Each structure stands twice: as structure tokens, then as C-alpha cells.
Amino acid sequence: MFKGFTVAVVALMTTAQVDRFLTNGRYTDAAIIMLRQIRHAFGF
């Protein structure tokens, strides 16, 4: 369980770093904004 979680976190961090390098973080920023809106919709 922990190994799978660790692999997922490393994959997400790697993807975010590649996005920051190639597209100046455009897609990572959009995903974070979308998650904030979802959180806001559920009242968190």
C-alpha cells in the first residue's frame, strides 16, 4: 500500500516538473485551480 502511494506521488511530482519545464506550468496550474473549485463546491 505504502509503496503504491509512494510511486503515485513520485509520478505526480515528476509530471508536474516536466510540465513546469515544457509549458511553464500551465497544465499543473489549471489542475490545481480545478481541484480548489471542486473542494470549494463540497464546502471544504
PDB file of N, CA and C in Angstrom:
ATOM      1  N   MET A   1       0.826  -1.191   0.000  1.00  0.00           N
ATOM      2  CA  MET A   1       0.000   0.000   0.000  1.00  0.00           C
ATOM      3  C   MET A   1       0.873   1.259   0.000  1.00  0.00           C
ATOM      4  N   PHE A   2       1.828   1.300   0.914  1.00  0.00           N
ATOM      5  CA  PHE A   2       2.703   2.475   1.001  1.00  0.00           C
ATOM      6  C   PHE A   2       3.569   2.605  -0.240  1.00  0.00           C
ATOM      7  N   LYS A   3       4.004   1.474  -0.781  1.00  0.00           N
ATOM      8  CA  LYS A   3       4.840   1.512  -1.988  1.00  0.00           C
ATOM      9  C   LYS A   3       4.044   2.088  -3.161  1.00  0.00           C
ATOM     10  N   GLY A   4       2.804   1.688  -3.305  1.00  0.00           N
ATOM     11  CA  GLY A   4       1.959   2.213  -4.377  1.00  0.00           C
ATOM     12  C   GLY A   4       1.706   3.699  -4.228  1.00  0.00           C
ATOM     13  N   PHE A   5       1.476   4.132  -2.981  1.00  0.00           N
ATOM     14  CA  PHE A   5       1.277   5.549  -2.703  1.00  0.00           C
ATOM     15  C   PHE A   5       2.536   6.339  -3.051  1.00  0.00           C
ATOM     16  N   THR A   6       3.687   5.801  -2.677  1.00  0.00           N
ATOM     17  CA  THR A   6       4.957   6.468  -2.956  1.00  0.00           C
ATOM     18  C   THR A   6       5.200   6.576  -4.462  1.00  0.00           C
ATOM     19  N   VAL A   7       4.914   5.520  -5.187  1.00  0.00           N
ATOM     20  CA  VAL A   7       5.084   5.536  -6.643  1.00  0.00           C
ATOM     21  C   VAL A   7       4.159   6.572  -7.277  1.00  0.00           C
ATOM     22  N   ALA A   8       2.922   6.647  -6.799  1.00  0.00           N
ATOM     23  CA  ALA A   8       1.971   7.624  -7.338  1.00  0.00           C
ATOM     24  C   ALA A   8       2.433   9.051  -7.065  1.00  0.00           C
ATOM     25  N   VAL A   9       2.925   9.313  -5.869  1.00  0.00           N
ATOM     26  CA  VAL A   9       3.396  10.656  -5.518  1.00  0.00           C
ATOM     27  C   VAL A   9       4.600  11.038  -6.373  1.00  0.00           C
ATOM     28  N   VAL A  10       5.534  10.120  -6.534  1.00  0.00           N
ATOM     29  CA  VAL A  10       6.716  10.405  -7.350  1.00  0.00           C
ATOM     30  C   VAL A  10       6.311  10.648  -8.804  1.00  0.00           C
ATOM     31  N   ALA A  11       5.364   9.863  -9.319  1.00  0.00           N
ATOM     32  CA  ALA A  11       4.907  10.058 -10.696  1.00  0.00           C
ATOM     33  C   ALA A  11       4.249  11.425 -10.869  1.00  0.00           C
ATOM     34  N   LEU A  12       3.427  11.834  -9.906  1.00  0.00           N
ATOM     35  CA  LEU A  12       2.781  13.143  -9.998  1.00  0.00           C
ATOM     36  C   LEU A  12       3.786  14.274  -9.898  1.00  0.00           C
ATOM     37  N   MET A  13       4.759  14.130  -9.019  1.00  0.00           N
ATOM     38  CA  MET A  13       5.789  15.167  -8.895  1.00  0.00           C
ATOM     39  C   MET A  13       6.624  15.265 -10.162  1.00  0.00           C
ATOM     40  N   THR A  14       6.959  14.135 -10.749  1.00  0.00           N
ATOM     41  CA  THR A  14       7.734  14.131 -11.987  1.00  0.00           C
ATOM     42  C   THR A  14       6.949  14.772 -13.118  1.00  0.00           C
ATOM     43  N   THR A  15       5.669  14.425 -13.219  1.00  0.00           N
ATOM     44  CA  THR A  15       4.824  15.011 -14.257  1.00  0.00           C
ATOM     45  C   THR A  15       4.710  16.521 -14.076  1.00  0.00           C
ATOM     46  N   ALA A  16       4.557  16.971 -12.838  1.00  0.00           N
ATOM     47  CA  ALA A  16       4.462  18.411 -12.583  1.00  0.00           C
ATOM     48  C   ALA A  16       5.762  19.117 -12.953  1.00  0.00           C
ATOM     49  N   GLN A  17       6.901  18.504 -12.667  1.00  0.00           N
ATOM     50  CA  GLN A  17       8.180  19.127 -13.011  1.00  0.00           C
ATOM     51  C   GLN A  17       8.376  19.199 -14.523  1.00  0.00           C
ATOM     52  N   VAL A  18       7.992  18.144 -15.238  1.00  0.00           N
ATOM     53  CA  VAL A  18       8.095  18.154 -16.698  1.00  0.00           C
ATOM     54  C   VAL A  18       7.173  19.230 -17.264  1.00  0.00           C
ATOM     55  N   ASP A  19       5.959  19.347 -16.696  1.00  0.00           N
ATOM     56  CA  ASP A  19       5.028  20.385 -17.143  1.00  0.00           C
ATOM     57  C   ASP A  19       5.608  21.766 -16.907  1.00  0.00           C
ATOM     58  N   ARG A  20       6.224  21.986 -15.753  1.00  0.00           N
ATOM     59  CA  ARG A  20       6.837  23.295 -15.457  1.00  0.00           C
ATOM     60  C   ARG A  20       7.955  23.592 -16.453  1.00  0.00           C
ATOM     61  N   PHE A  21       8.711  22.581 -16.845  1.00  0.00           N
ATOM     62  CA  PHE A  21       9.830  22.777 -17.768  1.00  0.00           C
ATOM     63  C   PHE A  21       9.348  23.036 -19.196  1.00  0.00           C
ATOM     64  N   LEU A  22       8.373  22.245 -19.659  1.00  0.00           N
ATOM     65  CA  LEU A  22       7.965  22.325 -21.059  1.00  0.00           C
ATOM     66  C   LEU A  22       6.926  23.411 -21.346  1.00  0.00           C
ATOM     67  N   THR A  23       5.969  23.602 -20.444  1.00  0.00           N
ATOM     68  CA  THR A  23       4.869  24.533 -20.729  1.00  0.00           C
ATOM     69  C   THR A  23       4.729  25.608 -19.673  1.00  0.00           C
ATOM     70  N   ASN A  24       5.778  25.820 -18.897  1.00  0.00           N
ATOM     71  CA  ASN A  24       5.781  26.853 -17.857  1.00  0.00           C
ATOM     72  C   ASN A  24       4.683  26.631 -16.821  1.00  0.00           C
ATOM     73  N   GLY A  25       4.289  25.373 -16.600  1.00  0.00           N
ATOM     74  CA  GLY A  25       3.342  25.024 -15.550  1.00  0.00           C
ATOM     75  C   GLY A  25       1.895  25.289 -15.864  1.00  0.00           C
ATOM     76  N   ARG A  26       1.569  25.486 -17.116  1.00  0.00           N
ATOM     77  CA  ARG A  26       0.198  25.831 -17.492  1.00  0.00           C
ATOM     78  C   ARG A  26      -0.799  24.748 -17.078  1.00  0.00           C
ATOM     79  N   TYR A  27      -0.491  23.490 -17.344  1.00  0.00           N
ATOM     80  CA  TYR A  27      -1.433  22.415 -17.050  1.00  0.00           C
ATOM     81  C   TYR A  27      -1.480  22.085 -15.559  1.00  0.00           C
ATOM     82  N   THR A  28      -0.351  22.176 -14.885  1.00  0.00           N
ATOM     83  CA  THR A  28      -0.327  21.948 -13.442  1.00  0.00           C
ATOM     84  C   THR A  28      -1.141  23.014 -12.730  1.00  0.00           C
ATOM     85  N   ASP A  29      -0.983  24.258 -13.115  1.00  0.00           N
ATOM     86  CA  ASP A  29      -1.746  25.340 -12.500  1.00  0.00           C
ATOM     87  C   ASP A  29      -3.241  25.164 -12.743  1.00  0.00           C
ATOM     88  N   ALA A  30      -3.610  24.758 -13.944  1.00  0.00           N
ATOM     89  CA  ALA A  30      -5.030  24.543 -14.252  1.00  0.00           C
ATOM     90  C   ALA A  30      -5.597  23.401 -13.411  1.00  0.00           C
ATOM     91  N   ALA A  31      -4.834  22.350 -13.221  1.00  0.00           N
ATOM     92  CA  ALA A  31      -5.305  21.229 -12.404  1.00  0.00           C
ATOM     93  C   ALA A  31      -5.482  21.640 -10.950  1.00  0.00           C
ATOM     94  N   ILE A  32      -4.572  22.447 -10.432  1.00  0.00           N
ATOM     95  CA  ILE A  32      -4.676  22.912  -9.045  1.00  0.00           C
ATOM     96  C   ILE A  32      -5.896  23.820  -8.878  1.00  0.00           C
ATOM     97  N   ILE A  33      -6.127  24.699  -9.836  1.00  0.00           N
ATOM     98  CA  ILE A  33      -7.298  25.571  -9.781  1.00  0.00           C
ATOM     99  C   ILE A  33      -8.583  24.738  -9.821  1.00  0.00           C
ATOM    100  N   MET A  34      -8.617  23.721 -10.673  1.00  0.00           N
ATOM    101  CA  MET A  34      -9.786  22.865 -10.764  1.00  0.00           C
ATOM    102  C   MET A  34     -10.034  22.136  -9.445  1.00  0.00           C
ATOM    103  N   LEU A  35      -8.969  21.633  -8.801  1.00  0.00           N
ATOM    104  CA  LEU A  35      -9.128  20.954  -7.522  1.00  0.00           C
ATOM    105  C   LEU A  35      -9.626  21.906  -6.439  1.00  0.00           C
ATOM    106  N   ARG A  36      -9.174  23.146  -6.459  1.00  0.00           N
ATOM    107  CA  ARG A  36      -9.672  24.147  -5.496  1.00  0.00           C
ATOM    108  C   ARG A  36     -11.159  24.396  -5.696  1.00  0.00           C
ATOM    109  N   GLN A  37     -11.592  24.475  -6.953  1.00  0.00           N
ATOM    110  CA  GLN A  37     -13.007  24.698  -7.224  1.00  0.00           C
ATOM    111  C   GLN A  37     -13.855  23.504  -6.780  1.00  0.00           C
ATOM    112  N   ILE A  38     -13.355  22.298  -6.996  1.00  0.00           N
ATOM    113  CA  ILE A  38     -14.066  21.104  -6.535  1.00  0.00           C
ATOM    114  C   ILE A  38     -14.166  21.106  -5.014  1.00  0.00           C
ATOM    115  N   ARG A  39     -13.071  21.443  -4.355  1.00  0.00           N
ATOM    116  CA  ARG A  39     -13.065  21.496  -2.885  1.00  0.00           C
ATOM    117  C   ARG A  39     -14.061  22.556  -2.408  1.00  0.00           C
ATOM    118  N   HIS A  40     -14.084  23.700  -3.061  1.00  0.00           N
ATOM    119  CA  HIS A  40     -14.992  24.759  -2.685  1.00  0.00           C
ATOM    120  C   HIS A  40     -16.452  24.317  -2.890  1.00  0.00           C
ATOM    121  N   ALA A  41     -16.728  23.578  -3.961  1.00  0.00           N
ATOM    122  CA  ALA A  41     -18.077  23.113  -4.242  1.00  0.00           C
ATOM    123  C   ALA A  41     -18.584  22.166  -3.149  1.00  0.00           C
ATOM    124  N   PHE A  42     -17.687  21.404  -2.539  1.00  0.00           N
ATOM    125  CA  PHE A  42     -18.083  20.485  -1.480  1.00  0.00           C
ATOM    126  C   PHE A  42     -18.029  21.144  -0.106  1.00  0.00           C
ATOM    127  N   GLY A  43     -17.623  22.402  -0.034  1.00  0.00           N
ATOM    128  CA  GLY A  43     -17.644  23.141   1.204  1.00  0.00           C
ATOM    129  C   GLY A  43     -16.460  22.905   2.132  1.00  0.00           C
ATOM    130  N   PHE A  44     -15.341  22.487   1.601  1.00  0.00           N
ATOM    131  CA  PHE A  44     -14.151  22.249   2.437  1.00  0.00           C
ATOM    132  C   PHE A  44     -13.307  23.473   2.520  1.00  0.00           C
TER     133      PHE A  44
END
